[in-house]
Amino acid sequence: MVLFLEIVHQLITMMMKELHAIGNNLNQLARKAHQLNVIDVEQYDLQLKNLKML
């Protein structure tokens, strides 16, 4: 049982690192798109505000 829990812990840790990296990549893409004005800035800001309210 202890071995199983250690494996589960390792898998969760690996998954969290991957999710963190994905989040960083998405944030970099969003910042660059915002800088280049390739998105609707008003809509982006509105959706970001809505997301922060969750």
PDB file of N, CA and C in Angstrom:
ATOM      1  N   MET A   1       0.814  -1.196   0.000  1.00  0.00           N
ATOM      2  CA  MET A   1       0.000   0.000   0.000  1.00  0.00           C
ATOM      3  C   MET A   1       0.859   1.261   0.000  1.00  0.00           C
ATOM      4  N   VAL A   2       1.934   1.261   0.759  1.00  0.00           N
ATOM      5  CA  VAL A   2       2.812   2.430   0.832  1.00  0.00           C
ATOM      6  C   VAL A   2       3.437   2.692  -0.533  1.00  0.00           C
ATOM      7  N   LEU A   3       3.861   1.648  -1.221  1.00  0.00           N
ATOM      8  CA  LEU A   3       4.449   1.804  -2.551  1.00  0.00           C
ATOM      9  C   LEU A   3       3.441   2.426  -3.500  1.00  0.00           C
ATOM     10  N   PHE A   4       2.210   1.982  -3.448  1.00  0.00           N
ATOM     11  CA  PHE A   4       1.152   2.531  -4.300  1.00  0.00           C
ATOM     12  C   PHE A   4       0.987   4.021  -4.043  1.00  0.00           C
ATOM     13  N   LEU A   5       0.938   4.420  -2.773  1.00  0.00           N
ATOM     14  CA  LEU A   5       0.767   5.827  -2.432  1.00  0.00           C
ATOM     15  C   LEU A   5       1.958   6.664  -2.890  1.00  0.00           C
ATOM     16  N   GLU A   6       3.143   6.115  -2.810  1.00  0.00           N
ATOM     17  CA  GLU A   6       4.331   6.827  -3.285  1.00  0.00           C
ATOM     18  C   GLU A   6       4.262   7.041  -4.790  1.00  0.00           C
ATOM     19  N   ILE A   7       3.816   6.032  -5.509  1.00  0.00           N
ATOM     20  CA  ILE A   7       3.688   6.140  -6.968  1.00  0.00           C
ATOM     21  C   ILE A   7       2.624   7.176  -7.323  1.00  0.00           C
ATOM     22  N   VAL A   8       1.504   7.142  -6.634  1.00  0.00           N
ATOM     23  CA  VAL A   8       0.434   8.121  -6.881  1.00  0.00           C
ATOM     24  C   VAL A   8       0.953   9.531  -6.601  1.00  0.00           C
ATOM     25  N   HIS A   9       1.671   9.706  -5.525  1.00  0.00           N
ATOM     26  CA  HIS A   9       2.232  11.010  -5.183  1.00  0.00           C
ATOM     27  C   HIS A   9       3.186  11.489  -6.274  1.00  0.00           C
ATOM     28  N   GLN A  10       4.038  10.615  -6.760  1.00  0.00           N
ATOM     29  CA  GLN A  10       4.976  10.979  -7.828  1.00  0.00           C
ATOM     30  C   GLN A  10       4.225  11.376  -9.098  1.00  0.00           C
ATOM     31  N   LEU A  11       3.190  10.627  -9.441  1.00  0.00           N
ATOM     32  CA  LEU A  11       2.413  10.943 -10.645  1.00  0.00           C
ATOM     33  C   LEU A  11       1.702  12.290 -10.512  1.00  0.00           C
ATOM     34  N   ILE A  12       1.145  12.547  -9.355  1.00  0.00           N
ATOM     35  CA  ILE A  12       0.474  13.831  -9.136  1.00  0.00           C
ATOM     36  C   ILE A  12       1.480  14.976  -9.211  1.00  0.00           C
ATOM     37  N   THR A  13       2.642  14.792  -8.633  1.00  0.00           N
ATOM     38  CA  THR A  13       3.688  15.815  -8.682  1.00  0.00           C
ATOM     39  C   THR A  13       4.110  16.087 -10.118  1.00  0.00           C
ATOM     40  N   MET A  14       4.297  15.030 -10.904  1.00  0.00           N
ATOM     41  CA  MET A  14       4.664  15.195 -12.312  1.00  0.00           C
ATOM     42  C   MET A  14       3.562  15.926 -13.077  1.00  0.00           C
ATOM     43  N   MET A  15       2.325  15.556 -12.819  1.00  0.00           N
ATOM     44  CA  MET A  15       1.201  16.186 -13.501  1.00  0.00           C
ATOM     45  C   MET A  15       1.110  17.670 -13.150  1.00  0.00           C
ATOM     46  N   MET A  16       1.323  18.004 -11.889  1.00  0.00           N
ATOM     47  CA  MET A  16       1.269  19.404 -11.478  1.00  0.00           C
ATOM     48  C   MET A  16       2.371  20.223 -12.144  1.00  0.00           C
ATOM     49  N   LYS A  17       3.558  19.653 -12.286  1.00  0.00           N
ATOM     50  CA  LYS A  17       4.647  20.350 -12.974  1.00  0.00           C
ATOM     51  C   LYS A  17       4.291  20.595 -14.434  1.00  0.00           C
ATOM     52  N   GLU A  18       3.690  19.595 -15.071  1.00  0.00           N
ATOM     53  CA  GLU A  18       3.278  19.746 -16.471  1.00  0.00           C
ATOM     54  C   GLU A  18       2.200  20.804 -16.621  1.00  0.00           C
ATOM     55  N   LEU A  19       1.214  20.794 -15.723  1.00  0.00           N
ATOM     56  CA  LEU A  19       0.154  21.795 -15.773  1.00  0.00           C
ATOM     57  C   LEU A  19       0.701  23.195 -15.552  1.00  0.00           C
ATOM     58  N   HIS A  20       1.673  23.316 -14.673  1.00  0.00           N
ATOM     59  CA  HIS A  20       2.304  24.612 -14.428  1.00  0.00           C
ATOM     60  C   HIS A  20       3.017  25.100 -15.692  1.00  0.00           C
ATOM     61  N   ALA A  21       3.736  24.212 -16.365  1.00  0.00           N
ATOM     62  CA  ALA A  21       4.433  24.578 -17.595  1.00  0.00           C
ATOM     63  C   ALA A  21       3.449  24.982 -18.690  1.00  0.00           C
ATOM     64  N   ILE A  22       2.348  24.253 -18.800  1.00  0.00           N
ATOM     65  CA  ILE A  22       1.318  24.576 -19.798  1.00  0.00           C
ATOM     66  C   ILE A  22       0.732  25.955 -19.498  1.00  0.00           C
ATOM     67  N   GLY A  23       0.455  26.218 -18.239  1.00  0.00           N
ATOM     68  CA  GLY A  23      -0.077  27.519 -17.846  1.00  0.00           C
ATOM     69  C   GLY A  23       0.882  28.646 -18.186  1.00  0.00           C
ATOM     70  N   ASN A  24       2.164  28.431 -17.943  1.00  0.00           N
ATOM     71  CA  ASN A  24       3.170  29.438 -18.293  1.00  0.00           C
ATOM     72  C   ASN A  24       3.192  29.686 -19.798  1.00  0.00           C
ATOM     73  N   ASN A  25       3.147  28.618 -20.582  1.00  0.00           N
ATOM     74  CA  ASN A  25       3.150  28.759 -22.039  1.00  0.00           C
ATOM     75  C   ASN A  25       1.937  29.531 -22.525  1.00  0.00           C
ATOM     76  N   LEU A  26       0.772  29.210 -21.988  1.00  0.00           N
ATOM     77  CA  LEU A  26      -0.448  29.922 -22.382  1.00  0.00           C
ATOM     78  C   LEU A  26      -0.371  31.397 -22.002  1.00  0.00           C
ATOM     79  N   ASN A  27       0.187  31.673 -20.847  1.00  0.00           N
ATOM     80  CA  ASN A  27       0.322  33.059 -20.408  1.00  0.00           C
ATOM     81  C   ASN A  27       1.266  33.831 -21.331  1.00  0.00           C
ATOM     82  N   GLN A  28       2.364  33.218 -21.743  1.00  0.00           N
ATOM     83  CA  GLN A  28       3.298  33.859 -22.660  1.00  0.00           C
ATOM     84  C   GLN A  28       2.630  34.143 -24.002  1.00  0.00           C
ATOM     85  N   LEU A  29       1.858  33.195 -24.501  1.00  0.00           N
ATOM     86  CA  LEU A  29       1.147  33.398 -25.766  1.00  0.00           C
ATOM     87  C   LEU A  29       0.129  34.525 -25.653  1.00  0.00           C
ATOM     88  N   ALA A  30      -0.588  34.560 -24.552  1.00  0.00           N
ATOM     89  CA  ALA A  30      -1.590  35.604 -24.357  1.00  0.00           C
ATOM     90  C   ALA A  30      -0.936  36.980 -24.273  1.00  0.00           C
ATOM     91  N   ARG A  31       0.173  37.083 -23.555  1.00  0.00           N
ATOM     92  CA  ARG A  31       0.872  38.366 -23.445  1.00  0.00           C
ATOM     93  C   ARG A  31       1.373  38.846 -24.808  1.00  0.00           C
ATOM     94  N   LYS A  32       1.948  37.935 -25.579  1.00  0.00           N
ATOM     95  CA  LYS A  32       2.473  38.303 -26.901  1.00  0.00           C
ATOM     96  C   LYS A  32       1.340  38.716 -27.832  1.00  0.00           C
ATOM     97  N   ALA A  33       0.241  37.988 -27.817  1.00  0.00           N
ATOM     98  CA  ALA A  33      -0.905  38.331 -28.658  1.00  0.00           C
ATOM     99  C   ALA A  33      -1.442  39.705 -28.265  1.00  0.00           C
ATOM    100  N   HIS A  34      -1.446  39.999 -26.984  1.00  0.00           N
ATOM    101  CA  HIS A  34      -1.915  41.293 -26.509  1.00  0.00           C
ATOM    102  C   HIS A  34      -0.980  42.398 -26.995  1.00  0.00           C
ATOM    103  N   GLN A  35       0.328  42.173 -26.911  1.00  0.00           N
ATOM    104  CA  GLN A  35       1.315  43.163 -27.360  1.00  0.00           C
ATOM    105  C   GLN A  35       1.188  43.456 -28.849  1.00  0.00           C
ATOM    106  N   LEU A  36       0.921  42.426 -29.634  1.00  0.00           N
ATOM    107  CA  LEU A  36       0.862  42.568 -31.092  1.00  0.00           C
ATOM    108  C   LEU A  36      -0.518  42.988 -31.592  1.00  0.00           C
ATOM    109  N   ASN A  37      -1.453  43.147 -30.671  1.00  0.00           N
ATOM    110  CA  ASN A  37      -2.825  43.514 -31.028  1.00  0.00           C
ATOM    111  C   ASN A  37      -3.444  42.555 -32.045  1.00  0.00           C
ATOM    112  N   VAL A  38      -3.169  41.286 -31.892  1.00  0.00           N
ATOM    113  CA  VAL A  38      -3.758  40.287 -32.789  1.00  0.00           C
ATOM    114  C   VAL A  38      -5.031  39.688 -32.190  1.00  0.00           C
ATOM    115  N   ILE A  39      -5.444  40.253 -31.073  1.00  0.00           N
ATOM    116  CA  ILE A  39      -6.692  39.832 -30.444  1.00  0.00           C
ATOM    117  C   ILE A  39      -7.534  41.070 -30.177  1.00  0.00           C
ATOM    118  N   ASP A  40      -8.782  40.868 -29.905  1.00  0.00           N
ATOM    119  CA  ASP A  40      -9.674  41.948 -29.511  1.00  0.00           C
ATOM    120  C   ASP A  40      -9.355  42.286 -28.054  1.00  0.00           C
ATOM    121  N   VAL A  41      -8.643  43.367 -27.850  1.00  0.00           N
ATOM    122  CA  VAL A  41      -8.132  43.714 -26.524  1.00  0.00           C
ATOM    123  C   VAL A  41      -9.279  43.921 -25.535  1.00  0.00           C
ATOM    124  N   GLU A  42     -10.330  44.593 -25.959  1.00  0.00           N
ATOM    125  CA  GLU A  42     -11.452  44.817 -25.045  1.00  0.00           C
ATOM    126  C   GLU A  42     -12.086  43.507 -24.615  1.00  0.00           C
ATOM    127  N   GLN A  43     -12.272  42.597 -25.564  1.00  0.00           N
ATOM    128  CA  GLN A  43     -12.864  41.291 -25.252  1.00  0.00           C
ATOM    129  C   GLN A  43     -11.936  40.479 -24.359  1.00  0.00           C
ATOM    130  N   TYR A  44     -10.654  40.534 -24.635  1.00  0.00           N
ATOM    131  CA  TYR A  44      -9.656  39.829 -23.820  1.00  0.00           C
ATOM    132  C   TYR A  44      -9.709  40.324 -22.378  1.00  0.00           C
ATOM    133  N   ASP A  45      -9.678  41.644 -22.220  1.00  0.00           N
ATOM    134  CA  ASP A  45      -9.702  42.210 -20.871  1.00  0.00           C
ATOM    135  C   ASP A  45     -10.994  41.855 -20.140  1.00  0.00           C
ATOM    136  N   LEU A  46     -12.102  41.876 -20.845  1.00  0.00           N
ATOM    137  CA  LEU A  46     -13.383  41.504 -20.240  1.00  0.00           C
ATOM    138  C   LEU A  46     -13.366  40.049 -19.769  1.00  0.00           C
ATOM    139  N   GLN A  47     -12.872  39.147 -20.618  1.00  0.00           N
ATOM    140  CA  GLN A  47     -12.832  37.732 -20.245  1.00  0.00           C
ATOM    141  C   GLN A  47     -11.855  37.485 -19.103  1.00  0.00           C
ATOM    142  N   LEU A  48     -10.743  38.208 -19.091  1.00  0.00           N
ATOM    143  CA  LEU A  48      -9.794  38.082 -17.988  1.00  0.00           C
ATOM    144  C   LEU A  48     -10.439  38.530 -16.677  1.00  0.00           C
ATOM    145  N   LYS A  49     -11.169  39.627 -16.727  1.00  0.00           N
ATOM    146  CA  LYS A  49     -11.874  40.111 -15.539  1.00  0.00           C
ATOM    147  C   LYS A  49     -12.888  39.081 -15.062  1.00  0.00           C
ATOM    148  N   ASN A  50     -13.639  38.482 -15.998  1.00  0.00           N
ATOM    149  CA  ASN A  50     -14.614  37.455 -15.644  1.00  0.00           C
ATOM    150  C   ASN A  50     -13.940  36.235 -15.028  1.00  0.00           C
ATOM    151  N   LEU A  51     -12.799  35.859 -15.576  1.00  0.00           N
ATOM    152  CA  LEU A  51     -12.061  34.698 -15.058  1.00  0.00           C
ATOM    153  C   LEU A  51     -11.592  34.946 -13.632  1.00  0.00           C
ATOM    154  N   LYS A  52     -11.121  36.154 -13.362  1.00  0.00           N
ATOM    155  CA  LYS A  52     -10.635  36.474 -12.015  1.00  0.00           C
ATOM    156  C   LYS A  52     -11.760  36.479 -10.995  1.00  0.00           C
ATOM    157  N   MET A  53     -12.988  36.660 -11.459  1.00  0.00           N
ATOM    158  CA  MET A  53     -14.133  36.674 -10.545  1.00  0.00           C
ATOM    159  C   MET A  53     -14.542  35.260 -10.122  1.00  0.00           C
ATOM    160  N   LEU A  54     -14.057  34.235 -10.799  1.00  0.00           N
ATOM    161  CA  LEU A  54     -14.434  32.847 -10.457  1.00  0.00           C
ATOM    162  C   LEU A  54     -13.884  32.432  -9.132  1.00  0.00           C
TER     163      LEU A  54
END
